[in-house]
């Protein structure tokens, strides 16, 4: 058994878009509404946000990715109802095909379940390095109160058996089989509380009070408390006498991030010594864990910057991105289904960003599966290696007309990567910031939603 479970590094990410609450209210003929919520762009979802947060945490840790023993991912809604959600995320991060872990889903409590599962693996000795990812991008019902509070975001934590400046401490869990926010079979949007006052007075606040009273005996400095409606978090904090509610920043910047809320609200405060309590709730469960930091945790100082900013968008654009506003025109389906031989055989090179380096001349050929001969010397001997995720734009074009489901303007760039490879990819956004010679990074995005499932690939984004 391991004596302590330590946090080596953390990372976070937020989506590209920000939607003003006043814009949502105006869409339904209502006035008012302060602040904003974070919303996924059409090519983002809980998986792409999680991958970005994970790579930031691993980069901050300084560890080689191949020594990670497993991925524990918590999300209310994985991209596949049944399918390879966990495997796709693991491969996109670059984890070994032998990595273990679990996908926890089904409620906003799943983020805590992922953290506890990874901690138990470290504690039992079955893992030495565990990657925890919590991410969410819920779809609220149109015109509901939840629509003005539902956000999106992701956090990641690298747990280790030895090292790190923070340690997981006491855990508390309480179960009460009430129905809070939920989604039924065949439904795309998450239902709001049937009786908000009942939820507030008889479910949420009592559970926070019970959990908080236990934590108060531990001399906690900082608190991360969920905030489902923009007021409950601060109300619970007042009742508990909390003076430093560190989750306020993430809640204000992103809104309610569901399964990610507990960790995302707290990890930014791990930039110095102190104690932190994070509380997660949902699906009839409320759990908390104490984190003790003896010094700054790697990556914690970057959290606020990584979830800040974003581009302001209109309500109609968000409804289209969520599939709640659908045009009547014909769409152009992909030439091959996502489970075809082309996708199966090319899955590794697409998600892991593999290139084939020629043994004879050193040229990197991309993608490997369509280059049986080297493009420079005609050689046939190759060594597969992971491509760099950064480079410079060699040239680009912006398509102003695209058939559905693609959205114009659509930028496509040819990028010279830092390792010498040249690759052609779509760009993030409308291409208005694209310039020849600009520094870019390659990030995982959702290219399409075909035959009911997402299709992922990499896009170019300005650094």
Protein backbone atom coordinates (compact mmCIF):
# COMPACT_ATOMS: atom_id res chain seq x y z
CA UNK A 1 0.00 0.00 0.00
CA UNK A 2 1.14 3.55 -0.78
CA UNK A 3 1.30 5.90 2.22
CA UNK A 4 0.25 9.06 0.32
CA UNK A 5 -1.37 10.04 -2.97
CA UNK A 6 0.22 13.15 -4.40
CA UNK A 7 -0.62 15.74 -7.02
CA UNK A 8 2.34 16.44 -9.29
CA UNK A 9 0.74 18.79 -11.83
CA UNK A 10 -2.56 20.23 -13.03
CA UNK A 11 -3.97 21.70 -16.24
CA UNK A 12 -7.19 23.31 -17.45
CA UNK A 13 -8.97 24.39 -20.61
CA UNK A 14 -12.03 26.35 -21.63
CA UNK A 15 -13.91 26.40 -24.95
CA UNK A 16 -13.51 29.02 -27.66
CA UNK A 17 -16.90 30.73 -27.32
CA UNK A 18 -18.52 32.97 -24.69
CA UNK A 19 -22.26 33.71 -24.70
CA UNK A 20 -23.71 36.63 -22.75
CA UNK A 21 -26.62 35.73 -20.49
CA UNK A 22 -28.43 38.86 -21.69
CA UNK A 23 -28.25 37.45 -25.24
CA UNK A 24 -29.96 34.23 -24.12
CA UNK A 25 -32.70 36.12 -22.31
CA UNK A 26 -33.25 38.43 -25.28
CA UNK A 27 -33.81 35.39 -27.48
CA UNK A 28 -36.88 34.55 -25.38
CA UNK A 29 -38.18 38.07 -25.00
CA UNK A 30 -36.76 38.56 -21.51
CA UNK A 31 -34.54 41.36 -20.27
CA UNK A 32 -31.52 41.38 -17.97
CA UNK A 33 -28.86 38.83 -17.24
CA UNK A 34 -25.33 39.67 -16.20
CA UNK A 35 -22.18 37.78 -17.05
CA UNK A 36 -21.51 34.98 -19.51
CA UNK A 37 -21.24 31.24 -19.98
CA UNK A 38 -18.62 29.29 -21.91
CA UNK A 39 -19.90 27.36 -24.92
CA UNK A 40 -18.23 24.83 -27.21
CA UNK A 41 -17.67 25.84 -30.82
CA UNK A 42 -18.97 23.40 -33.48
CA UNK A 43 -15.67 21.49 -33.51
CA UNK A 44 -15.31 21.22 -29.70
CA UNK A 45 -16.80 18.88 -27.11
CA UNK A 46 -16.02 17.33 -23.74
CA UNK A 47 -13.36 15.09 -25.31
CA UNK A 48 -11.40 17.83 -27.10
CA UNK A 49 -11.51 20.04 -24.00
CA UNK A 50 -10.29 17.14 -21.88
CA UNK A 51 -7.40 16.35 -24.22
CA UNK A 52 -6.21 19.95 -24.11
CA UNK A 53 -6.33 20.08 -20.30
CA UNK A 54 -4.52 16.72 -20.07
CA UNK A 55 -1.70 17.78 -22.38
CA UNK A 56 -1.22 20.98 -20.37
CA UNK A 57 -1.01 19.04 -17.11
CA UNK A 58 1.43 16.51 -18.58
CA UNK A 59 3.54 19.28 -20.09
CA UNK A 60 3.70 21.03 -16.71
CA UNK A 61 4.66 17.76 -15.00
CA UNK A 62 7.75 17.25 -17.16
CA UNK A 63 7.00 13.52 -17.32
CA UNK A 64 7.30 11.35 -20.39
CA UNK A 65 3.76 10.54 -21.49
CA UNK A 66 4.50 6.84 -21.98
CA UNK A 67 5.02 6.28 -18.23
CA UNK A 68 1.39 7.20 -17.41
CA UNK A 69 -0.23 4.01 -16.16
CA UNK A 70 -3.83 4.97 -16.78
CA UNK A 71 -6.46 7.55 -17.64
CA UNK A 72 -9.49 8.16 -15.41
CA UNK A 73 -11.99 10.39 -17.19
CA UNK A 74 -15.12 11.85 -15.63
CA UNK A 75 -17.82 13.47 -17.77
CA UNK A 76 -21.60 13.63 -17.60
CA UNK A 77 -21.91 12.96 -21.29
CA UNK A 78 -19.20 11.12 -23.25
CA UNK A 79 -19.25 11.74 -27.03
CA UNK A 80 -20.22 8.12 -27.75
CA UNK A 81 -23.29 6.81 -25.96
CA UNK A 82 -21.68 3.40 -26.48
CA UNK A 83 -18.26 3.37 -28.06
CA UNK A 84 -14.55 4.15 -27.80
CA UNK A 85 -14.71 7.50 -25.96
CA UNK A 86 -12.00 6.54 -23.45
CA UNK A 87 -9.78 4.89 -26.04
CA UNK A 88 -9.92 7.91 -28.37
CA UNK A 89 -8.97 10.31 -25.60
CA UNK A 90 -6.12 8.08 -24.42
CA UNK A 91 -4.72 7.75 -27.92
CA UNK A 92 -5.03 11.49 -28.66
CA UNK A 93 -3.10 12.27 -25.47
CA UNK A 94 -0.45 9.79 -26.55
CA UNK A 95 -0.86 7.19 -23.81
CA UNK A 96 0.41 3.66 -24.27
CA UNK A 97 -1.95 1.05 -25.70
CA UNK A 98 -1.39 -0.78 -22.39
CA UNK A 99 -2.65 2.10 -20.24
CA UNK A 100 -5.48 1.30 -17.82
CA UNK A 101 -8.11 3.51 -16.21
CA UNK A 102 -11.84 4.04 -16.51
CA UNK A 103 -14.56 6.23 -17.98
CA UNK A 104 -16.97 7.56 -15.36
CA UNK A 105 -20.17 9.15 -16.65
CA UNK A 106 -23.89 9.56 -16.10
CA UNK A 107 -23.99 12.57 -13.78
CA UNK A 108 -22.06 15.63 -12.67
CA UNK A 109 -20.66 13.52 -9.81
CA UNK A 110 -18.59 11.55 -12.31
CA UNK A 111 -15.66 13.97 -11.95
CA UNK A 112 -15.26 13.00 -8.30
CA UNK A 113 -15.62 9.32 -9.20
CA UNK A 114 -12.76 9.61 -11.69
CA UNK A 115 -10.54 11.33 -9.11
CA UNK A 116 -11.29 8.71 -6.45
CA UNK A 117 -10.77 5.85 -8.89
CA UNK A 118 -7.34 7.13 -9.89
CA UNK A 119 -6.42 7.78 -6.26
CA UNK A 120 -7.39 4.23 -5.32
CA UNK A 121 -5.21 2.87 -8.13
CA UNK A 122 -2.24 4.86 -6.78
CA UNK A 123 -3.02 3.84 -3.20
CA UNK A 124 -3.25 0.15 -4.03
CA UNK A 125 -0.02 0.20 -6.00
CA UNK A 126 -1.60 -0.78 -9.32
CA UNK A 127 -0.54 2.59 -10.80
CA UNK A 128 2.40 4.88 -10.10
CA UNK A 129 1.30 7.71 -12.40
CA UNK A 130 -2.42 8.29 -12.98
CA UNK A 131 -3.97 10.94 -15.19
CA UNK A 132 -7.35 12.32 -14.09
CA UNK A 133 -9.40 14.28 -16.63
CA UNK A 134 -12.75 15.89 -15.83
CA UNK A 135 -14.66 17.66 -18.58
CA UNK A 136 -18.18 18.57 -19.54
CA UNK A 137 -20.23 20.41 -22.13
CA UNK A 138 -23.87 19.87 -21.29
CA UNK A 139 -26.66 20.86 -23.64
CA UNK A 140 -29.40 22.71 -21.73
CA UNK A 141 -33.00 22.80 -22.90
CA UNK A 142 -33.95 25.82 -24.98
CA UNK A 143 -35.60 28.55 -22.93
CA UNK A 144 -34.86 26.92 -19.55
CA UNK A 145 -33.34 28.66 -16.55
CA UNK A 146 -30.37 26.30 -16.81
CA UNK A 147 -29.53 27.69 -20.23
CA UNK A 148 -28.21 30.91 -18.65
CA UNK A 149 -25.87 28.97 -16.34
CA UNK A 150 -24.78 25.89 -18.30
CA UNK A 151 -21.11 26.17 -19.26
CA UNK A 152 -18.23 24.01 -20.44
CA UNK A 153 -14.65 23.36 -19.37
CA UNK A 154 -12.06 20.77 -18.37
CA UNK A 155 -9.42 20.13 -15.74
CA UNK A 156 -6.68 17.54 -15.45
CA UNK A 157 -4.57 16.28 -12.55
CA UNK A 158 -1.46 14.10 -12.59
CA UNK A 159 -1.42 11.85 -9.52
CA UNK A 160 1.76 10.11 -8.43
CA UNK A 161 2.88 7.81 -5.64
CA UNK A 162 6.02 9.83 -4.95
CA UNK A 163 6.79 13.52 -5.45
CA UNK A 164 4.53 16.50 -5.95
CA UNK A 165 3.72 19.37 -3.60
CA UNK A 166 0.12 18.44 -2.76
CA UNK A 167 -1.48 15.40 -1.16
CA UNK A 168 -5.02 14.04 -1.23
CA UNK A 169 -6.45 13.79 2.27
CA UNK A 170 -9.78 12.90 3.83
CA UNK A 171 -12.78 11.98 1.66
CA UNK A 172 -16.46 12.27 2.46
CA UNK A 173 -19.42 10.94 0.45
CA UNK A 174 -23.16 11.09 1.08
CA UNK A 175 -25.91 9.49 -1.01
CA UNK A 176 -29.51 10.68 -1.35
CA UNK A 177 -31.45 9.20 -4.31
CA UNK A 178 -33.08 12.39 -5.50
CA UNK A 179 -33.61 13.38 -9.12
CA UNK A 180 -31.69 16.55 -9.91
CA UNK A 181 -30.70 17.44 -13.45
CA UNK A 182 -31.06 14.49 -15.76
CA UNK A 183 -31.46 13.34 -19.37
CA UNK A 184 -33.80 10.57 -20.45
CA UNK A 185 -33.42 8.01 -23.23
CA UNK A 186 -33.45 9.61 -26.65
CA UNK A 187 -33.17 13.13 -25.25
CA UNK A 188 -30.38 15.46 -26.35
CA UNK A 189 -30.80 18.22 -23.77
CA UNK A 190 -30.41 18.02 -20.00
CA UNK A 191 -33.58 18.74 -18.05
CA UNK A 192 -33.62 21.56 -15.49
CA UNK A 193 -34.83 21.15 -11.90
CA UNK A 194 -38.56 20.49 -11.73
CA UNK A 195 -38.86 22.52 -8.51
CA UNK A 196 -35.81 24.80 -8.02
CA UNK A 197 -36.87 25.85 -4.52
CA UNK A 198 -37.30 22.25 -3.38
CA UNK A 199 -33.87 21.40 -4.76
CA UNK A 200 -32.32 24.40 -3.04
CA UNK A 201 -33.90 24.03 0.41
CA UNK A 202 -34.21 20.26 0.82
CA UNK A 203 -31.47 18.78 -1.35
CA UNK A 204 -28.52 20.99 -2.27
CA UNK A 205 -28.02 23.21 0.77
CA UNK A 206 -28.57 20.43 3.37
CA UNK A 207 -26.06 18.16 1.62
CA UNK A 208 -23.51 20.99 1.39
CA UNK A 209 -24.08 21.75 5.07
CA UNK A 210 -23.48 18.14 6.13
CA UNK A 211 -20.37 17.72 4.00
CA UNK A 212 -19.06 21.16 4.92
CA UNK A 213 -19.37 20.62 8.65
CA UNK A 214 -17.14 17.57 8.43
CA UNK A 215 -14.59 19.48 6.35
CA UNK A 216 -14.62 22.47 8.68
CA UNK A 217 -12.89 20.39 11.33
CA UNK A 218 -9.88 20.06 9.02
CA UNK A 219 -8.89 23.76 9.03
CA UNK A 220 -9.53 24.38 5.32
CA UNK A 221 -8.16 27.59 3.73
CA UNK A 222 -9.78 27.43 0.26
CA UNK A 223 -13.06 25.98 -0.94
CA UNK A 224 -14.43 24.86 -4.31
CA UNK A 225 -18.22 24.51 -4.16
CA UNK A 226 -20.51 23.72 -7.13
CA UNK A 227 -22.84 26.50 -8.29
CA UNK A 228 -25.68 25.08 -10.42
CA UNK A 229 -27.70 28.30 -10.74
CA UNK A 230 -25.30 31.18 -10.14
CA UNK A 231 -26.36 31.66 -6.50
CA UNK A 232 -26.28 28.32 -4.69
CA UNK A 233 -22.49 28.20 -4.42
CA UNK A 234 -22.20 31.52 -2.60
CA UNK A 235 -25.25 30.72 -0.46
CA UNK A 236 -23.71 27.43 0.68
CA UNK A 237 -20.44 29.23 1.37
CA UNK A 238 -22.17 31.80 3.59
CA UNK A 239 -23.95 29.11 5.57
CA UNK A 240 -20.63 27.34 6.14
CA UNK A 241 -18.79 30.52 7.02
CA UNK A 242 -16.40 30.10 4.09
CA UNK A 243 -14.21 33.16 3.58
CA UNK A 244 -12.26 32.13 0.49
CA UNK A 245 -14.50 30.59 -2.19
CA UNK A 246 -11.86 30.04 -4.89
CA UNK A 247 -14.34 28.45 -7.32
CA UNK A 248 -15.94 31.87 -7.91
CA UNK A 249 -13.48 32.65 -10.71
CA UNK A 250 -14.23 29.55 -12.80
CA UNK A 251 -17.97 29.86 -12.17
CA UNK A 252 -17.93 33.50 -13.30
CA UNK A 253 -15.74 32.85 -16.33
CA UNK A 254 -17.28 29.60 -17.57
CA UNK A 255 -20.61 29.00 -15.81
CA UNK A 256 -21.57 25.62 -14.36
CA UNK A 257 -19.11 23.13 -15.84
CA UNK A 258 -20.88 20.04 -14.54
CA UNK A 259 -18.56 17.13 -13.83
CA UNK A 260 -15.53 19.42 -14.16
CA UNK A 261 -16.76 22.04 -11.69
CA UNK A 262 -15.21 20.69 -8.49
CA UNK A 263 -11.63 20.29 -9.73
CA UNK A 264 -11.74 23.17 -12.19
CA UNK A 265 -12.92 25.51 -9.45
CA UNK A 266 -10.12 24.56 -7.08
CA UNK A 267 -6.87 23.61 -8.82
CA UNK A 268 -5.90 27.20 -9.57
CA UNK A 269 -5.54 27.84 -5.83
CA UNK A 270 -2.81 25.19 -5.60
CA UNK A 271 -0.21 27.81 -6.64
CA UNK A 272 1.02 28.04 -3.04
CA UNK A 273 0.95 26.31 0.32
CA UNK A 274 -2.42 25.78 1.98
CA UNK A 275 -5.41 23.47 2.21
CA UNK A 276 -8.23 23.09 -0.29
CA UNK A 277 -11.62 21.37 -0.11
CA UNK A 278 -13.34 20.45 -3.35
CA UNK A 279 -16.96 19.35 -3.37
CA UNK A 280 -18.77 17.68 -6.25
CA UNK A 281 -22.45 16.83 -6.50
CA UNK A 282 -24.97 15.25 -8.87
CA UNK A 283 -26.90 12.09 -9.58
CA UNK A 284 -27.98 11.78 -5.96
CA UNK A 285 -24.44 11.92 -4.58
CA UNK A 286 -22.29 14.56 -2.90
CA UNK A 287 -18.58 14.00 -2.29
CA UNK A 288 -15.64 16.03 -1.06
CA UNK A 289 -11.91 15.62 -0.67
CA UNK A 290 -9.26 17.58 1.20
CA UNK A 291 -6.06 18.58 -0.61
CA UNK A 292 -3.02 19.75 1.37
CA UNK A 293 -0.34 21.70 -0.51
CA UNK A 294 3.10 22.34 0.96
CA UNK A 295 4.10 24.48 -2.00
CA UNK A 296 3.09 25.43 -5.56
CA UNK A 297 1.76 22.61 -7.72
CA UNK A 298 3.13 22.55 -11.27
CA UNK A 299 0.71 24.17 -13.72
CA UNK A 300 -1.55 25.73 -11.06
CA UNK A 301 -0.42 29.28 -11.78
CA UNK A 302 -1.48 28.85 -15.44
CA UNK A 303 -5.07 27.76 -14.75
CA UNK A 304 -6.71 31.18 -14.70
CA UNK A 305 -5.09 32.22 -17.94
CA UNK A 306 -5.98 28.95 -19.64
CA UNK A 307 -9.71 29.33 -18.97
CA UNK A 308 -9.96 33.09 -19.47
CA UNK A 309 -10.91 34.95 -22.63
CA UNK A 310 -12.87 33.48 -25.48
CA UNK A 311 -14.77 34.94 -28.41
CA UNK A 312 -18.21 36.48 -27.94
CA UNK A 313 -20.88 34.78 -30.09
CA UNK A 314 -24.57 35.16 -30.86
CA UNK A 315 -27.26 32.91 -29.45
CA UNK A 316 -28.26 31.58 -32.86
CA UNK A 317 -24.70 30.41 -33.55
CA UNK A 318 -24.70 28.48 -30.27
CA UNK A 319 -28.05 26.85 -31.05
CA UNK A 320 -26.69 25.72 -34.44
CA UNK A 321 -23.51 24.36 -32.86
CA UNK A 322 -25.53 22.34 -30.35
CA UNK A 323 -27.80 20.93 -33.06
CA UNK A 324 -30.85 22.67 -31.63
CA UNK A 325 -31.27 24.88 -34.70
CA UNK A 326 -31.00 22.79 -37.87
CA UNK A 327 -31.23 23.98 -41.46
CA UNK A 328 -33.53 22.22 -43.90
CA UNK A 329 -30.96 21.93 -46.71
CA UNK A 330 -29.32 18.71 -47.80
CA UNK A 331 -26.05 17.73 -46.15
CA UNK A 332 -23.11 16.03 -47.79
CA UNK A 333 -22.24 12.75 -46.01
CA UNK A 334 -18.69 11.52 -45.65
CA UNK A 335 -17.45 9.14 -48.31
CA UNK A 336 -16.76 6.38 -45.80
CA UNK A 337 -18.42 5.52 -42.46
CA UNK A 338 -16.43 6.11 -39.23
CA UNK A 339 -16.12 2.37 -38.54
CA UNK A 340 -14.77 1.54 -42.00
CA UNK A 341 -11.37 -0.06 -42.64
CA UNK A 342 -9.83 3.30 -43.51
CA UNK A 343 -10.63 4.71 -40.07
CA UNK A 344 -9.77 1.52 -38.19
CA UNK A 345 -6.38 1.11 -39.86
CA UNK A 346 -5.56 4.81 -39.76
CA UNK A 347 -6.84 5.48 -36.26
CA UNK A 348 -3.42 5.54 -34.60
CA UNK A 349 -1.81 7.88 -37.10
CA UNK A 350 -4.76 10.28 -37.00
CA UNK A 351 -5.15 10.49 -33.23
CA UNK A 352 -1.50 10.11 -32.19
CA UNK A 353 -0.21 12.37 -35.01
CA UNK A 354 2.21 9.85 -36.48
CA UNK A 355 4.61 10.45 -39.34
CA UNK A 356 6.84 8.03 -41.26
CA UNK A 357 10.49 9.09 -41.26
CA UNK A 358 12.44 7.68 -44.22
CA UNK A 359 15.42 5.62 -43.07
CA UNK A 360 17.41 6.57 -46.18
CA UNK A 361 16.94 10.36 -46.38
CA UNK A 362 15.22 11.39 -43.14
CA UNK A 363 12.14 12.96 -44.78
CA UNK A 364 8.96 12.70 -42.69
CA UNK A 365 6.00 11.49 -44.75
CA UNK A 366 2.47 12.36 -43.63
CA UNK A 367 0.13 10.62 -43.32
CA UNK A 368 2.06 7.33 -43.34
CA UNK A 369 -0.75 5.12 -44.66
CA UNK A 370 -0.96 6.88 -48.03
CA UNK A 371 2.79 7.10 -48.64
CA UNK A 372 4.20 3.62 -49.30
CA UNK A 373 7.20 5.35 -50.93
CA UNK A 374 9.15 8.33 -49.60
CA UNK A 375 8.07 11.58 -51.27
CA UNK A 376 11.73 12.69 -51.49
CA UNK A 377 13.81 9.67 -52.43
CA UNK A 378 11.32 6.90 -53.17
CA UNK A 379 12.58 4.74 -50.31
CA UNK A 380 10.39 2.10 -48.69
CA UNK A 381 11.94 1.81 -45.22
CA UNK A 382 10.29 3.99 -42.53
CA UNK A 383 10.30 4.55 -38.80
CA UNK A 384 7.03 5.76 -37.28
CA UNK A 385 7.36 8.66 -34.85
CA UNK A 386 5.04 11.18 -33.24
CA UNK A 387 4.93 14.55 -34.98
CA UNK A 388 5.59 17.87 -33.31
CA UNK A 389 2.45 19.75 -32.28
CA UNK A 390 3.91 23.16 -33.19
CA UNK A 391 5.08 24.83 -36.38
CA UNK A 392 4.68 27.73 -38.83
CA UNK A 393 2.13 28.36 -41.56
CA UNK A 394 3.73 27.81 -44.98
CA UNK A 395 0.64 28.82 -46.95
CA UNK A 396 -3.14 28.77 -46.54
CA UNK A 397 -6.46 29.19 -48.30
CA UNK A 398 -9.88 30.19 -46.95
CA UNK A 399 -12.88 28.50 -48.55
CA UNK A 400 -15.79 30.92 -48.65
CA UNK A 401 -18.39 28.39 -49.79
CA UNK A 402 -18.83 24.97 -48.20
CA UNK A 403 -21.66 22.41 -48.30
CA UNK A 404 -23.39 21.44 -45.03
CA UNK A 405 -22.42 20.27 -42.47
CA UNK A 406 -19.21 22.27 -43.03
CA UNK A 407 -19.37 25.95 -42.18
CA UNK A 408 -17.77 28.68 -44.29
CA UNK A 409 -15.41 30.47 -44.09
CA UNK A 410 -13.23 27.36 -43.68
CA UNK A 411 -9.42 27.90 -43.50
CA UNK A 412 -7.03 25.18 -44.64
CA UNK A 413 -3.33 25.63 -43.90
CA UNK A 414 -0.10 23.94 -44.94
CA UNK A 415 2.15 23.90 -41.87
CA UNK A 416 5.87 23.25 -41.51
CA UNK A 417 6.25 21.53 -38.15
CA UNK A 418 9.24 22.02 -35.85
CA UNK A 419 10.49 18.48 -36.59
CA UNK A 420 10.65 19.13 -40.35
CA UNK A 421 7.36 17.50 -41.33
CA UNK A 422 4.88 19.32 -43.56
CA UNK A 423 1.16 18.75 -43.00
CA UNK A 424 -2.12 20.16 -44.32
CA UNK A 425 -4.96 20.71 -41.86
CA UNK A 426 -8.08 22.76 -41.28
CA UNK A 427 -7.74 25.90 -39.17
CA UNK A 428 -9.69 26.83 -36.06
CA UNK A 429 -12.23 29.62 -36.57
CA UNK A 430 -12.89 31.59 -39.74
CA UNK A 431 -9.25 32.19 -40.73
CA UNK A 432 -9.36 35.94 -40.07
CA UNK A 433 -6.22 35.65 -37.93
CA UNK A 434 -4.32 33.40 -40.34
CA UNK A 435 -1.00 34.69 -41.73
CA UNK A 436 1.89 33.11 -43.59
CA UNK A 437 4.77 32.53 -41.19
CA UNK A 438 2.65 32.69 -38.04
CA UNK A 439 3.38 30.28 -35.18
CA UNK A 440 0.66 27.69 -34.64
CA UNK A 441 -0.12 24.61 -32.60
CA UNK A 442 -2.02 21.47 -33.54
CA UNK A 443 -5.02 20.72 -31.32
CA UNK A 444 -7.61 17.94 -31.39
CA UNK A 445 -11.02 19.03 -32.64
CA UNK A 446 -14.24 17.38 -33.82
CA UNK A 447 -14.34 17.40 -37.63
CA UNK A 448 -17.81 15.98 -38.16
CA UNK A 449 -20.71 14.13 -36.60
CA UNK A 450 -21.33 11.27 -38.97
CA UNK A 451 -23.89 8.47 -38.66
CA UNK A 452 -24.56 9.47 -35.06
CA UNK A 453 -20.94 9.56 -33.83
CA UNK A 454 -18.16 12.18 -33.76
CA UNK A 455 -15.10 12.07 -35.98
CA UNK A 456 -11.93 13.65 -34.58
CA UNK A 457 -8.80 15.10 -36.13
CA UNK A 458 -6.29 17.90 -35.65
CA UNK A 459 -6.63 21.55 -36.55
CA UNK A 460 -4.27 24.49 -36.63
CA UNK A 461 -4.61 27.24 -34.03
CA UNK A 462 -2.57 30.43 -33.64
CA UNK A 463 -0.22 30.52 -30.65
